[in-house]
């Protein structure tokens, strides 16, 4: 189901998440969350017709949603590769290197997810402040979801890289993306004080 996560029903997907097999990983869930947040951004932008660049924001949100959906599958695939290598590994330098390589590769999907999440959160913050007040709650929700996904994905990046024997500083890009998304979410949530939010 790696490349068809979003083709499943919600009930089926949640069952996959709860299953003991690594079908839907933490990174997979982060990617789906970012895709959903991007969907909210697209919807909010389309409802904000008075905003000059609303159509451009909606189109960009659609692209980010599709990219996040693809990363959901990529994360599951890379995680399964790590599990396979670890299962087959014997005590030898070559096998140890193979495990390290798989872990470094597995850090790439969550890093890309964190970056996408930061982009989504930034657009959501803009819509929270300047979009249609009726959908302000949706924009704030999008920013908050994206920030949570970015933070979670950055943790996965750090875990994979440190498990591969790399210094924690190697996870700096993921951390930066998470911090950017969190700043955007804070700006979005500040818009809730205007009293126009409807969810």
Protein backbone atom coordinates (compact mmCIF):
# COMPACT_ATOMS: atom_id res chain seq x y z
CA UNK A 1 0.00 0.00 0.00
CA UNK A 2 3.08 2.24 -0.01
CA UNK A 3 2.06 4.34 -3.00
CA UNK A 4 -1.69 4.22 -2.48
CA UNK A 5 -2.09 5.47 1.06
CA UNK A 6 -4.60 8.12 0.05
CA UNK A 7 -6.57 5.66 -2.09
CA UNK A 8 -7.62 3.75 1.01
CA UNK A 9 -10.62 4.66 3.09
CA UNK A 10 -9.93 6.47 6.35
CA UNK A 11 -10.92 3.37 8.29
CA UNK A 12 -8.55 1.15 6.29
CA UNK A 13 -5.72 3.62 6.63
CA UNK A 14 -6.11 3.89 10.40
CA UNK A 15 -6.14 0.10 10.61
CA UNK A 16 -2.85 0.04 8.68
CA UNK A 17 -1.38 2.59 11.10
CA UNK A 18 -2.36 0.41 14.06
CA UNK A 19 -1.06 -2.84 12.52
CA UNK A 20 2.22 -4.35 13.81
CA UNK A 21 3.70 -4.45 10.28
CA UNK A 22 5.45 -1.25 9.13
CA UNK A 23 2.90 -0.36 6.46
CA UNK A 24 2.10 3.14 7.68
CA UNK A 25 5.09 4.57 9.51
CA UNK A 26 5.42 7.70 11.60
CA UNK A 27 6.81 9.51 8.58
CA UNK A 28 3.94 8.22 6.48
CA UNK A 29 1.45 9.69 8.96
CA UNK A 30 3.37 12.99 8.95
CA UNK A 31 3.15 13.13 5.16
CA UNK A 32 -0.58 12.41 5.14
CA UNK A 33 -1.04 15.13 7.77
CA UNK A 34 0.86 17.61 5.60
CA UNK A 35 -1.23 16.60 2.59
CA UNK A 36 -4.42 17.22 4.57
CA UNK A 37 -3.10 20.58 5.78
CA UNK A 38 -2.28 21.54 2.20
CA UNK A 39 -5.82 20.59 1.24
CA UNK A 40 -7.17 22.98 3.87
CA UNK A 41 -4.90 25.71 2.52
CA UNK A 42 -6.18 25.11 -1.01
CA UNK A 43 -9.78 25.23 0.15
CA UNK A 44 -9.23 28.39 2.20
CA UNK A 45 -7.46 30.11 -0.68
CA UNK A 46 -10.32 29.32 -3.05
CA UNK A 47 -12.74 30.86 -0.57
CA UNK A 48 -10.59 34.00 -0.33
CA UNK A 49 -11.44 35.51 -3.71
CA UNK A 50 -10.64 39.05 -2.56
CA UNK A 51 -6.99 38.05 -2.02
CA UNK A 52 -4.95 39.01 -5.10
CA UNK A 53 -2.84 35.85 -5.21
CA UNK A 54 -5.51 33.43 -3.96
CA UNK A 55 -5.45 31.36 -7.16
CA UNK A 56 -1.67 31.06 -7.06
CA UNK A 57 -1.75 30.00 -3.41
CA UNK A 58 -4.41 27.39 -4.17
CA UNK A 59 -2.40 26.01 -7.09
CA UNK A 60 0.76 25.82 -4.99
CA UNK A 61 -1.15 24.11 -2.19
CA UNK A 62 -2.42 21.51 -4.66
CA UNK A 63 1.15 20.77 -5.76
CA UNK A 64 2.35 20.46 -2.18
CA UNK A 65 -0.57 18.16 -1.39
CA UNK A 66 0.42 15.81 -4.21
CA UNK A 67 4.09 15.88 -3.25
CA UNK A 68 3.23 15.07 0.36
CA UNK A 69 1.05 12.18 -0.77
CA UNK A 70 3.96 10.72 -2.73
CA UNK A 71 6.28 11.11 0.24
CA UNK A 72 3.87 9.07 2.37
CA UNK A 73 4.71 6.07 0.23
CA UNK A 74 8.41 6.90 -0.01
CA UNK A 75 8.76 6.97 3.77
CA UNK A 76 7.16 3.56 4.18
CA UNK A 77 9.43 2.10 1.49
CA UNK A 78 12.60 3.51 3.06
CA UNK A 79 11.58 2.30 6.52
CA UNK A 80 10.93 -1.20 5.20
CA UNK A 81 14.37 -1.15 3.58
CA UNK A 82 15.95 -0.40 6.96
CA UNK A 83 14.00 -3.24 8.59
CA UNK A 84 15.06 -5.65 5.84
CA UNK A 85 18.75 -4.76 6.07
CA UNK A 86 18.73 -4.95 9.86
CA UNK A 87 17.05 -8.35 9.72
CA UNK A 88 19.60 -9.74 7.26
CA UNK A 89 22.64 -8.07 8.76
CA UNK A 90 25.41 -10.16 10.23
CA UNK A 91 28.31 -8.94 12.31
CA UNK A 92 30.57 -7.65 9.55
CA UNK A 93 31.81 -4.22 8.46
CA UNK A 94 30.00 -4.51 5.12
CA UNK A 95 26.66 -5.26 6.75
CA UNK A 96 27.13 -2.50 9.31
CA UNK A 97 27.76 -0.06 6.48
CA UNK A 98 24.65 -1.30 4.66
CA UNK A 99 22.56 -0.58 7.76
CA UNK A 100 24.07 2.89 8.08
CA UNK A 101 23.40 3.62 4.41
CA UNK A 102 19.78 2.49 4.77
CA UNK A 103 19.31 4.71 7.82
CA UNK A 104 20.76 7.75 6.04
CA UNK A 105 18.47 7.07 3.08
CA UNK A 106 15.51 6.72 5.45
CA UNK A 107 16.19 10.21 6.80
CA UNK A 108 15.52 11.78 3.41
CA UNK A 109 11.70 11.35 3.16
CA UNK A 110 10.99 12.88 6.60
CA UNK A 111 13.39 15.73 5.82
CA UNK A 112 11.47 16.48 2.64
CA UNK A 113 8.21 16.16 4.57
CA UNK A 114 9.42 18.72 7.13
CA UNK A 115 10.35 21.14 4.36
CA UNK A 116 6.96 20.74 2.68
CA UNK A 117 5.25 21.23 6.03
CA UNK A 118 7.09 24.52 6.52
CA UNK A 119 5.84 25.74 3.13
CA UNK A 120 2.28 24.71 3.93
CA UNK A 121 2.39 26.38 7.35
CA UNK A 122 3.68 29.61 5.82
CA UNK A 123 0.81 29.76 3.32
CA UNK A 124 -1.69 28.90 6.04
CA UNK A 125 -0.39 31.73 8.23
CA UNK A 126 -0.87 34.18 5.37
CA UNK A 127 -4.45 33.02 4.87
CA UNK A 128 -5.13 33.16 8.60
CA UNK A 129 -4.31 36.85 8.56
CA UNK A 130 -5.59 37.92 5.14
CA UNK A 131 -7.94 35.23 3.86
CA UNK A 132 -11.69 34.85 4.15
CA UNK A 133 -12.57 35.26 7.87
CA UNK A 134 -15.20 32.52 7.54
CA UNK A 135 -12.47 29.93 6.86
CA UNK A 136 -9.89 31.37 9.25
CA UNK A 137 -10.30 28.41 11.58
CA UNK A 138 -9.40 26.06 8.71
CA UNK A 139 -6.28 28.07 7.89
CA UNK A 140 -5.21 28.03 11.54
CA UNK A 141 -5.85 24.29 11.69
CA UNK A 142 -3.72 23.81 8.56
CA UNK A 143 -0.83 25.77 10.05
CA UNK A 144 -1.01 23.91 13.35
CA UNK A 145 -1.18 20.49 11.70
CA UNK A 146 1.70 21.32 9.39
CA UNK A 147 3.85 22.53 12.29
CA UNK A 148 3.17 19.36 14.29
CA UNK A 149 4.03 17.22 11.27
CA UNK A 150 7.22 19.20 10.65
CA UNK A 151 8.36 18.78 14.25
CA UNK A 152 7.59 15.05 14.22
CA UNK A 153 9.35 14.57 10.89
CA UNK A 154 12.42 16.44 12.15
CA UNK A 155 12.60 14.05 15.10
CA UNK A 156 12.53 11.10 12.68
CA UNK A 157 15.37 12.67 10.70
CA UNK A 158 17.45 13.01 13.87
CA UNK A 159 16.72 9.45 15.00
CA UNK A 160 17.74 7.97 11.65
CA UNK A 161 20.92 10.02 11.32
CA UNK A 162 22.10 9.49 14.89
CA UNK A 163 21.31 5.77 14.56
CA UNK A 164 23.57 5.80 11.50
CA UNK A 165 26.36 7.15 13.68
CA UNK A 166 26.21 10.72 12.42
CA UNK A 167 26.42 13.73 14.70
CA UNK A 168 23.07 15.17 15.77
CA UNK A 169 24.05 18.37 13.99
CA UNK A 170 23.47 16.58 10.69
CA UNK A 171 19.75 16.83 11.44
CA UNK A 172 19.92 20.63 11.40
CA UNK A 173 17.92 21.03 8.19
CA UNK A 174 14.97 19.17 9.65
CA UNK A 175 15.17 21.20 12.84
CA UNK A 176 15.23 24.45 10.86
CA UNK A 177 12.16 23.42 8.88
CA UNK A 178 10.30 22.52 12.07
CA UNK A 179 11.17 25.85 13.68
CA UNK A 180 10.00 27.72 10.58
CA UNK A 181 6.70 25.84 10.57
CA UNK A 182 6.20 26.51 14.27
CA UNK A 183 6.76 30.23 13.79
CA UNK A 184 4.14 30.24 11.05
CA UNK A 185 1.72 28.33 13.26
CA UNK A 186 2.21 30.87 16.06
CA UNK A 187 1.40 33.70 13.65
CA UNK A 188 -1.67 31.84 12.43
CA UNK A 189 -2.92 31.16 15.93
CA UNK A 190 -2.52 34.84 16.81
CA UNK A 191 -5.16 35.55 14.16
CA UNK A 192 -7.70 33.61 16.24
CA UNK A 193 -7.87 36.54 18.64
CA UNK A 194 -9.63 38.67 16.03
CA UNK A 195 -12.94 36.99 16.77
CA UNK A 196 -13.81 36.13 13.17
CA UNK A 197 -12.78 32.48 13.14
CA UNK A 198 -15.44 29.94 12.22
CA UNK A 199 -14.67 26.21 12.08
